[in-house]
Amino acid sequence: MSITIDLSSKIALITGASQGIGSQIARTFHRAGATVILNHPGLGGTGADAEKIAAELNATRPASAHVAAADVSRPDAVQIMMQGLKERLGGIDFLINNAGIIRDRTIAKMSLEAWKSVIDVNLSGVFHCCKFGLDIMRDGGAIVSLGSIAAIQGFYGQANYAAAKAGVQAMMRVVSREAARRHIRANAIAPGVIDTAMAATIPENARAEMTKNIPLTRFGTPEEVAGVALFLCSPLASYVTGQTLEVNGGWRG
């Protein structure tokens, strides 16, 4: 007997969906039948990238992918985005908090701007999206937020990133309690090193050293993270909330 995850009639908002893990989550949820909203911050080519992905998805199923611009670090922009989605689509069922940036430096050399910008996007951005997203989320929905192995490992030069991701994982435990009365579940995913454009900047010697720590002896793929996000939003995870699922190939330090 086969098991199929069918999200038809459901609407999923994915932040930071113009590239990397976010774009793959959008594609995966779309394949499961969901209508997807690809959020982007409106910086550089992110808008064009999101529009291209939406066009690709709409070519297979018309009017099933939408684009929404909003810098998640700005609460006013997030509130406007959510209100617009309520008016256009009637609300959302799933919120995937994926948007994130890195500004790596040692604490001694990290500028205050580098600290603040990462906290503003990676941590405050999740708060903004949960706060205003819950206003338009239908009962029985789910929130999945991207944490990181950095929150556990404390990688050199990532004080801002590690602190933000640890905060996200803690925040989901709180949201899981506060939203439970509406049967909305909230979980985090803590990926290890995933083969994205960001990981491609890691020097080859550092990549080799990292791989030694991974029992599966390779970096993960965006598809593997997206599959876990899909599981967490599906009926298969109906009793899973307040958890952080590590998707790291077994890396334990």
C-alpha atoms as a PDB file:
ATOM      1  CA  MET A   1       0.000   0.000   0.000  1.00  0.00           C
ATOM      2  CA  SER A   2       1.545   3.284  -1.073  1.00  0.00           C
ATOM      3  CA  ILE A   3       1.497   6.462   0.976  1.00  0.00           C
ATOM      4  CA  THR A   4       1.047   9.745  -0.854  1.00  0.00           C
ATOM      5  CA  ILE A   5       1.430  13.216   0.628  1.00  0.00           C
ATOM      6  CA  ASP A   6      -1.317  15.284  -0.975  1.00  0.00           C
ATOM      7  CA  LEU A   7      -1.299  19.004  -0.185  1.00  0.00           C
ATOM      8  CA  SER A   8      -3.764  20.022  -2.867  1.00  0.00           C
ATOM      9  CA  SER A   9      -6.053  22.826  -1.601  1.00  0.00           C
ATOM     10  CA  LYS A  10      -3.253  23.933   0.770  1.00  0.00           C
ATOM     11  CA  ILE A  11      -1.269  27.172   0.487  1.00  0.00           C
ATOM     12  CA  ALA A  12       2.375  27.408   1.542  1.00  0.00           C
ATOM     13  CA  LEU A  13       4.427  30.582   2.005  1.00  0.00           C
ATOM     14  CA  ILE A  14       8.176  30.048   1.733  1.00  0.00           C
ATOM     15  CA  THR A  15      10.447  32.941   2.680  1.00  0.00           C
ATOM     16  CA  GLY A  16      13.743  33.379   0.866  1.00  0.00           C
ATOM     17  CA  ALA A  17      12.440  31.164  -1.926  1.00  0.00           C
ATOM     18  CA  SER A  18      14.335  32.656  -4.859  1.00  0.00           C
ATOM     19  CA  GLN A  19      17.283  30.266  -4.556  1.00  0.00           C
ATOM     20  CA  GLY A  20      18.898  27.391  -2.660  1.00  0.00           C
ATOM     21  CA  ILE A  21      16.929  25.440  -0.089  1.00  0.00           C
ATOM     22  CA  GLY A  22      13.947  27.802  -0.279  1.00  0.00           C
ATOM     23  CA  SER A  23      13.444  27.326  -4.009  1.00  0.00           C
ATOM     24  CA  GLN A  24      13.643  23.558  -3.608  1.00  0.00           C
ATOM     25  CA  ILE A  25      11.073  23.615  -0.796  1.00  0.00           C
ATOM     26  CA  ALA A  26       8.759  25.576  -3.086  1.00  0.00           C
ATOM     27  CA  ARG A  27       9.205  23.019  -5.876  1.00  0.00           C
ATOM     28  CA  THR A  28       8.695  20.077  -3.504  1.00  0.00           C
ATOM     29  CA  PHE A  29       5.499  21.476  -1.962  1.00  0.00           C
ATOM     30  CA  HIS A  30       4.229  22.323  -5.435  1.00  0.00           C
ATOM     31  CA  ARG A  31       4.803  18.736  -6.589  1.00  0.00           C
ATOM     32  CA  ALA A  32       2.735  17.619  -3.594  1.00  0.00           C
ATOM     33  CA  GLY A  33      -0.152  19.720  -4.919  1.00  0.00           C
ATOM     34  CA  ALA A  34       0.138  22.873  -2.814  1.00  0.00           C
ATOM     35  CA  THR A  35      -0.193  26.403  -4.080  1.00  0.00           C
ATOM     36  CA  VAL A  36       3.089  28.087  -3.224  1.00  0.00           C
ATOM     37  CA  ILE A  37       4.048  31.689  -2.516  1.00  0.00           C
ATOM     38  CA  LEU A  38       7.682  32.485  -3.186  1.00  0.00           C
ATOM     39  CA  ASN A  39       8.865  35.325  -0.978  1.00  0.00           C
ATOM     40  CA  HIS A  40      11.963  37.329  -1.841  1.00  0.00           C
ATOM     41  CA  PRO A  41      13.513  40.463  -0.276  1.00  0.00           C
ATOM     42  CA  GLY A  42      13.529  42.527  -3.462  1.00  0.00           C
ATOM     43  CA  LEU A  43      17.316  42.847  -3.440  1.00  0.00           C
ATOM     44  CA  GLY A  44      19.527  42.319  -6.481  1.00  0.00           C
ATOM     45  CA  GLY A  45      18.169  39.617  -8.738  1.00  0.00           C
ATOM     46  CA  THR A  46      16.010  37.889  -6.134  1.00  0.00           C
ATOM     47  CA  GLY A  47      12.775  39.179  -7.630  1.00  0.00           C
ATOM     48  CA  ALA A  48      13.629  37.998 -11.138  1.00  0.00           C
ATOM     49  CA  ASP A  49      14.766  34.619  -9.782  1.00  0.00           C
ATOM     50  CA  ALA A  50      11.505  34.137  -7.866  1.00  0.00           C
ATOM     51  CA  GLU A  51       9.428  35.151 -10.897  1.00  0.00           C
ATOM     52  CA  LYS A  52      11.317  32.632 -13.049  1.00  0.00           C
ATOM     53  CA  ILE A  53      10.612  29.796 -10.619  1.00  0.00           C
ATOM     54  CA  ALA A  54       6.948  30.801 -10.350  1.00  0.00           C
ATOM     55  CA  ALA A  55       6.642  30.807 -14.150  1.00  0.00           C
ATOM     56  CA  GLU A  56       8.199  27.339 -14.271  1.00  0.00           C
ATOM     57  CA  LEU A  57       5.683  26.018 -11.740  1.00  0.00           C
ATOM     58  CA  ASN A  58       2.696  27.788 -13.299  1.00  0.00           C
ATOM     59  CA  ALA A  59       3.562  26.225 -16.637  1.00  0.00           C
ATOM     60  CA  THR A  60       2.749  22.817 -15.134  1.00  0.00           C
ATOM     61  CA  ARG A  61      -0.260  23.993 -13.095  1.00  0.00           C
ATOM     62  CA  PRO A  62      -1.695  27.448 -13.844  1.00  0.00           C
ATOM     63  CA  ALA A  63      -2.132  29.962 -11.004  1.00  0.00           C
ATOM     64  CA  SER A  64      -0.424  27.621  -8.525  1.00  0.00           C
ATOM     65  CA  ALA A  65       2.614  29.778  -7.759  1.00  0.00           C
ATOM     66  CA  HIS A  66       2.751  33.406  -6.667  1.00  0.00           C
ATOM     67  CA  VAL A  67       5.537  35.829  -5.810  1.00  0.00           C
ATOM     68  CA  ALA A  68       5.559  38.140  -2.787  1.00  0.00           C
ATOM     69  CA  ALA A  69       8.248  40.720  -2.098  1.00  0.00           C
ATOM     70  CA  ALA A  70       9.079  41.578   1.512  1.00  0.00           C
ATOM     71  CA  ASP A  71      12.261  42.023   3.495  1.00  0.00           C
ATOM     72  CA  VAL A  72      11.510  39.828   6.507  1.00  0.00           C
ATOM     73  CA  SER A  73      13.732  41.980   8.723  1.00  0.00           C
ATOM     74  CA  ARG A  74      11.152  44.782   8.377  1.00  0.00           C
ATOM     75  CA  PRO A  75       7.978  44.138  10.395  1.00  0.00           C
ATOM     76  CA  ASP A  76       5.959  46.649   8.370  1.00  0.00           C
ATOM     77  CA  ALA A  77       6.875  44.903   5.107  1.00  0.00           C
ATOM     78  CA  VAL A  78       5.948  41.494   6.519  1.00  0.00           C
ATOM     79  CA  GLN A  79       2.617  42.761   7.826  1.00  0.00           C
ATOM     80  CA  ILE A  80       1.767  44.272   4.431  1.00  0.00           C
ATOM     81  CA  MET A  81       2.745  41.028   2.690  1.00  0.00           C
ATOM     82  CA  MET A  82       0.563  38.937   4.974  1.00  0.00           C
ATOM     83  CA  GLN A  83      -2.419  41.263   4.604  1.00  0.00           C
ATOM     84  CA  GLY A  84      -2.005  41.102   0.823  1.00  0.00           C
ATOM     85  CA  LEU A  85      -1.963  37.301   0.870  1.00  0.00           C
ATOM     86  CA  LYS A  86      -5.100  37.269   2.997  1.00  0.00           C
ATOM     87  CA  GLU A  87      -6.860  39.468   0.460  1.00  0.00           C
ATOM     88  CA  ARG A  88      -5.563  37.608  -2.614  1.00  0.00           C
ATOM     89  CA  LEU A  89      -5.673  33.999  -1.459  1.00  0.00           C
ATOM     90  CA  GLY A  90      -7.741  33.951   1.721  1.00  0.00           C
ATOM     91  CA  GLY A  91      -4.836  33.006   3.989  1.00  0.00           C
ATOM     92  CA  ILE A  92      -2.146  30.348   4.263  1.00  0.00           C
ATOM     93  CA  ASP A  93      -1.844  26.845   5.665  1.00  0.00           C
ATOM     94  CA  PHE A  94       1.938  26.534   5.943  1.00  0.00           C
ATOM     95  CA  LEU A  95       4.703  28.996   6.754  1.00  0.00           C
ATOM     96  CA  ILE A  96       8.264  27.976   5.944  1.00  0.00           C
ATOM     97  CA  ASN A  97      10.759  30.400   7.491  1.00  0.00           C
ATOM     98  CA  ASN A  98      13.789  29.882   5.289  1.00  0.00           C
ATOM     99  CA  ALA A  99      15.157  33.401   4.624  1.00  0.00           C
ATOM    100  CA  GLY A 100      18.663  33.865   5.993  1.00  0.00           C
ATOM    101  CA  ILE A 101      22.006  35.577   5.458  1.00  0.00           C
ATOM    102  CA  ILE A 102      25.559  35.072   6.713  1.00  0.00           C
ATOM    103  CA  ARG A 103      28.148  37.676   7.706  1.00  0.00           C
ATOM    104  CA  ASP A 104      30.959  35.565   9.184  1.00  0.00           C
ATOM    105  CA  ARG A 105      33.721  37.184  11.267  1.00  0.00           C
ATOM    106  CA  THR A 106      35.307  36.458  14.627  1.00  0.00           C
ATOM    107  CA  ILE A 107      33.714  38.342  17.499  1.00  0.00           C
ATOM    108  CA  ALA A 108      36.790  40.559  17.768  1.00  0.00           C
ATOM    109  CA  LYS A 109      36.496  41.588  14.111  1.00  0.00           C
ATOM    110  CA  MET A 110      32.720  41.462  13.656  1.00  0.00           C
ATOM    111  CA  SER A 111      31.162  44.858  13.058  1.00  0.00           C
ATOM    112  CA  LEU A 112      28.031  45.837  14.919  1.00  0.00           C
ATOM    113  CA  GLU A 113      26.281  46.063  11.543  1.00  0.00           C
ATOM    114  CA  ALA A 114      27.267  42.464  10.704  1.00  0.00           C
ATOM    115  CA  TRP A 115      25.881  41.300  14.052  1.00  0.00           C
ATOM    116  CA  LYS A 116      22.652  43.259  13.706  1.00  0.00           C
ATOM    117  CA  SER A 117      21.936  42.394  10.069  1.00  0.00           C
ATOM    118  CA  VAL A 118      22.137  38.644  10.695  1.00  0.00           C
ATOM    119  CA  ILE A 119      19.998  38.844  13.836  1.00  0.00           C
ATOM    120  CA  ASP A 120      17.483  41.088  12.038  1.00  0.00           C
ATOM    121  CA  VAL A 121      16.967  38.669   9.133  1.00  0.00           C
ATOM    122  CA  ASN A 122      17.623  35.240  10.647  1.00  0.00           C
ATOM    123  CA  LEU A 123      15.947  35.681  14.031  1.00  0.00           C
ATOM    124  CA  SER A 124      13.740  38.773  14.041  1.00  0.00           C
ATOM    125  CA  GLY A 125      12.579  37.867  10.531  1.00  0.00           C
ATOM    126  CA  VAL A 126      11.212  34.568  11.821  1.00  0.00           C
ATOM    127  CA  PHE A 127       9.454  36.373  14.665  1.00  0.00           C
ATOM    128  CA  HIS A 128       7.884  38.873  12.264  1.00  0.00           C
ATOM    129  CA  CYS A 129       6.645  36.125   9.947  1.00  0.00           C
ATOM    130  CA  CYS A 130       5.221  34.068  12.818  1.00  0.00           C
ATOM    131  CA  LYS A 131       3.565  37.072  14.453  1.00  0.00           C
ATOM    132  CA  PHE A 132       1.822  38.320  11.328  1.00  0.00           C
ATOM    133  CA  GLY A 133       1.605  34.915   9.628  1.00  0.00           C
ATOM    134  CA  LEU A 134      -0.428  33.417  12.452  1.00  0.00           C
ATOM    135  CA  ASP A 135      -3.013  36.149  11.847  1.00  0.00           C
ATOM    136  CA  ILE A 136      -3.760  34.728   8.390  1.00  0.00           C
ATOM    137  CA  MET A 137      -2.983  31.048   8.971  1.00  0.00           C
ATOM    138  CA  ARG A 138      -5.864  28.641   8.980  1.00  0.00           C
ATOM    139  CA  ASP A 139      -6.344  26.367  11.993  1.00  0.00           C
ATOM    140  CA  GLY A 140      -4.616  23.016  11.600  1.00  0.00           C
ATOM    141  CA  GLY A 141      -1.678  24.510   9.717  1.00  0.00           C
ATOM    142  CA  ALA A 142       2.048  24.181  10.349  1.00  0.00           C
ATOM    143  CA  ILE A 143       5.142  26.332  10.707  1.00  0.00           C
ATOM    144  CA  VAL A 144       8.619  25.067   9.824  1.00  0.00           C
ATOM    145  CA  SER A 145      11.636  27.274  10.503  1.00  0.00           C
ATOM    146  CA  LEU A 146      15.187  26.668   9.355  1.00  0.00           C
ATOM    147  CA  GLY A 147      17.671  26.401  12.204  1.00  0.00           C
ATOM    148  CA  SER A 148      21.191  25.110  11.658  1.00  0.00           C
ATOM    149  CA  ILE A 149      23.891  22.751  12.812  1.00  0.00           C
ATOM    150  CA  ALA A 150      25.729  25.985  13.658  1.00  0.00           C
ATOM    151  CA  ALA A 151      23.411  26.407  16.650  1.00  0.00           C
ATOM    152  CA  ILE A 152      24.843  23.184  18.083  1.00  0.00           C
ATOM    153  CA  GLN A 153      28.425  23.172  16.815  1.00  0.00           C
ATOM    154  CA  GLY A 154      29.255  26.848  17.343  1.00  0.00           C
ATOM    155  CA  PHE A 155      31.411  27.179  14.247  1.00  0.00           C
ATOM    156  CA  TYR A 156      34.335  29.584  14.343  1.00  0.00           C
ATOM    157  CA  GLY A 157      33.383  33.065  13.144  1.00  0.00           C
ATOM    158  CA  GLN A 158      29.614  32.499  13.341  1.00  0.00           C
ATOM    159  CA  ALA A 159      28.601  34.081  16.641  1.00  0.00           C
ATOM    160  CA  ASN A 160      25.811  36.038  14.944  1.00  0.00           C
ATOM    161  CA  TYR A 161      24.557  33.153  12.807  1.00  0.00           C
ATOM    162  CA  ALA A 162      24.767  30.523  15.553  1.00  0.00           C
ATOM    163  CA  ALA A 163      22.988  32.773  18.063  1.00  0.00           C
ATOM    164  CA  ALA A 164      20.222  33.541  15.577  1.00  0.00           C
ATOM    165  CA  LYS A 165      19.655  29.908  14.635  1.00  0.00           C
ATOM    166  CA  ALA A 166      19.671  28.745  18.261  1.00  0.00           C
ATOM    167  CA  GLY A 167      17.061  31.420  18.909  1.00  0.00           C
ATOM    168  CA  VAL A 168      14.926  30.184  16.034  1.00  0.00           C
ATOM    169  CA  GLN A 169      14.974  26.643  17.374  1.00  0.00           C
ATOM    170  CA  ALA A 170      13.976  27.865  20.846  1.00  0.00           C
ATOM    171  CA  MET A 171      11.285  30.110  19.368  1.00  0.00           C
ATOM    172  CA  MET A 172       9.611  27.164  17.668  1.00  0.00           C
ATOM    173  CA  ARG A 173       9.248  25.418  20.999  1.00  0.00           C
ATOM    174  CA  VAL A 174       7.415  28.479  22.315  1.00  0.00           C
ATOM    175  CA  VAL A 175       5.253  28.844  19.203  1.00  0.00           C
ATOM    176  CA  SER A 176       4.331  25.160  19.404  1.00  0.00           C
ATOM    177  CA  ARG A 177       2.783  25.807  22.817  1.00  0.00           C
ATOM    178  CA  GLU A 178       1.106  29.085  21.965  1.00  0.00           C
ATOM    179  CA  ALA A 179      -0.420  27.874  18.687  1.00  0.00           C
ATOM    180  CA  ALA A 180      -1.481  24.427  19.908  1.00  0.00           C
ATOM    181  CA  ARG A 181      -4.996  25.565  20.787  1.00  0.00           C
ATOM    182  CA  ARG A 182      -5.515  26.170  17.068  1.00  0.00           C
ATOM    183  CA  HIS A 183      -3.935  22.809  16.185  1.00  0.00           C
ATOM    184  CA  ILE A 184      -1.085  24.620  14.458  1.00  0.00           C
ATOM    185  CA  ARG A 185       2.213  22.765  14.795  1.00  0.00           C
ATOM    186  CA  ALA A 186       5.620  24.463  14.859  1.00  0.00           C
ATOM    187  CA  ASN A 187       8.953  22.743  14.302  1.00  0.00           C
ATOM    188  CA  ALA A 188      12.494  23.553  13.222  1.00  0.00           C
ATOM    189  CA  ILE A 189      14.883  21.843  10.851  1.00  0.00           C
ATOM    190  CA  ALA A 190      18.605  22.063  11.623  1.00  0.00           C
ATOM    191  CA  PRO A 191      20.447  21.265   8.395  1.00  0.00           C
ATOM    192  CA  GLY A 192      24.095  20.333   8.338  1.00  0.00           C
ATOM    193  CA  VAL A 193      26.220  21.519   5.435  1.00  0.00           C
ATOM    194  CA  ILE A 194      24.004  21.524   2.354  1.00  0.00           C
ATOM    195  CA  ASP A 195      25.315  21.699  -1.216  1.00  0.00           C
ATOM    196  CA  THR A 196      24.053  25.136  -2.242  1.00  0.00           C
ATOM    197  CA  ALA A 197      25.687  28.151  -3.845  1.00  0.00           C
ATOM    198  CA  MET A 198      26.597  29.291  -0.334  1.00  0.00           C
ATOM    199  CA  ALA A 199      28.416  26.011   0.395  1.00  0.00           C
ATOM    200  CA  ALA A 200      30.244  26.268  -2.918  1.00  0.00           C
ATOM    201  CA  THR A 201      32.265  29.145  -1.448  1.00  0.00           C
ATOM    202  CA  ILE A 202      33.798  26.856   1.195  1.00  0.00           C
ATOM    203  CA  PRO A 203      37.467  26.153   0.326  1.00  0.00           C
ATOM    204  CA  GLU A 204      38.197  22.604  -0.787  1.00  0.00           C
ATOM    205  CA  ASN A 205      40.436  21.815   2.209  1.00  0.00           C
ATOM    206  CA  ALA A 206      37.684  22.964   4.591  1.00  0.00           C
ATOM    207  CA  ARG A 207      35.101  20.874   2.716  1.00  0.00           C
ATOM    208  CA  ALA A 208      37.310  17.804   3.072  1.00  0.00           C
ATOM    209  CA  GLU A 209      37.733  18.431   6.801  1.00  0.00           C
ATOM    210  CA  MET A 210      33.981  18.848   7.277  1.00  0.00           C
ATOM    211  CA  THR A 211      33.247  15.659   5.375  1.00  0.00           C
ATOM    212  CA  LYS A 212      35.430  13.711   7.827  1.00  0.00           C
ATOM    213  CA  ASN A 213      32.910  14.604  10.555  1.00  0.00           C
ATOM    214  CA  ILE A 214      29.894  13.343   8.584  1.00  0.00           C
ATOM    215  CA  PRO A 215      29.167   9.612   8.910  1.00  0.00           C
ATOM    216  CA  LEU A 216      27.407   9.626   5.536  1.00  0.00           C
ATOM    217  CA  THR A 217      30.621  11.168   4.104  1.00  0.00           C
ATOM    218  CA  ARG A 218      28.964  13.836   1.973  1.00  0.00           C
ATOM    219  CA  PHE A 219      27.142  17.149   2.146  1.00  0.00           C
ATOM    220  CA  GLY A 220      23.350  17.113   2.056  1.00  0.00           C
ATOM    221  CA  THR A 221      21.178  18.288  -0.820  1.00  0.00           C
ATOM    222  CA  PRO A 222      18.403  20.895  -0.863  1.00  0.00           C
ATOM    223  CA  GLU A 223      16.013  18.108  -1.870  1.00  0.00           C
ATOM    224  CA  GLU A 224      16.767  16.239   1.352  1.00  0.00           C
ATOM    225  CA  VAL A 225      15.952  19.276   3.483  1.00  0.00           C
ATOM    226  CA  ALA A 226      12.821  19.972   1.445  1.00  0.00           C
ATOM    227  CA  GLY A 227      11.633  16.403   1.991  1.00  0.00           C
ATOM    228  CA  VAL A 228      11.793  16.848   5.758  1.00  0.00           C
ATOM    229  CA  ALA A 229       9.897  20.148   5.509  1.00  0.00           C
ATOM    230  CA  LEU A 230       7.217  18.373   3.485  1.00  0.00           C
ATOM    231  CA  PHE A 231       6.975  15.602   6.086  1.00  0.00           C
ATOM    232  CA  LEU A 232       6.596  18.130   8.915  1.00  0.00           C
ATOM    233  CA  CYS A 233       3.698  19.822   7.129  1.00  0.00           C
ATOM    234  CA  SER A 234       1.987  16.570   6.196  1.00  0.00           C
ATOM    235  CA  PRO A 235      -0.542  14.466   8.128  1.00  0.00           C
ATOM    236  CA  LEU A 236       2.294  11.975   8.727  1.00  0.00           C
ATOM    237  CA  ALA A 237       3.667  14.467  11.304  1.00  0.00           C
ATOM    238  CA  SER A 238       0.332  15.224  12.970  1.00  0.00           C
ATOM    239  CA  TYR A 239       1.747  14.524  16.462  1.00  0.00           C
ATOM    240  CA  VAL A 240       5.121  16.224  15.915  1.00  0.00           C
ATOM    241  CA  THR A 241       5.469  19.740  17.297  1.00  0.00           C
ATOM    242  CA  GLY A 242       8.041  21.767  19.215  1.00  0.00           C
ATOM    243  CA  GLN A 243      10.879  19.678  17.785  1.00  0.00           C
ATOM    244  CA  THR A 244      14.140  20.366  15.968  1.00  0.00           C
ATOM    245  CA  LEU A 245      14.912  17.713  13.361  1.00  0.00           C
ATOM    246  CA  GLU A 246      18.598  17.535  12.526  1.00  0.00           C
ATOM    247  CA  VAL A 247      19.280  16.854   8.840  1.00  0.00           C
ATOM    248  CA  ASN A 248      23.045  16.584   8.965  1.00  0.00           C
ATOM    249  CA  GLY A 249      24.186  13.141   7.774  1.00  0.00           C
ATOM    250  CA  GLY A 250      24.909  12.149  11.382  1.00  0.00           C
ATOM    251  CA  TRP A 251      27.385  14.940  12.226  1.00  0.00           C
ATOM    252  CA  ARG A 252      27.794  15.045  15.995  1.00  0.00           C
ATOM    253  CA  GLY A 253      31.030  17.027  16.275  1.00  0.00           C
END
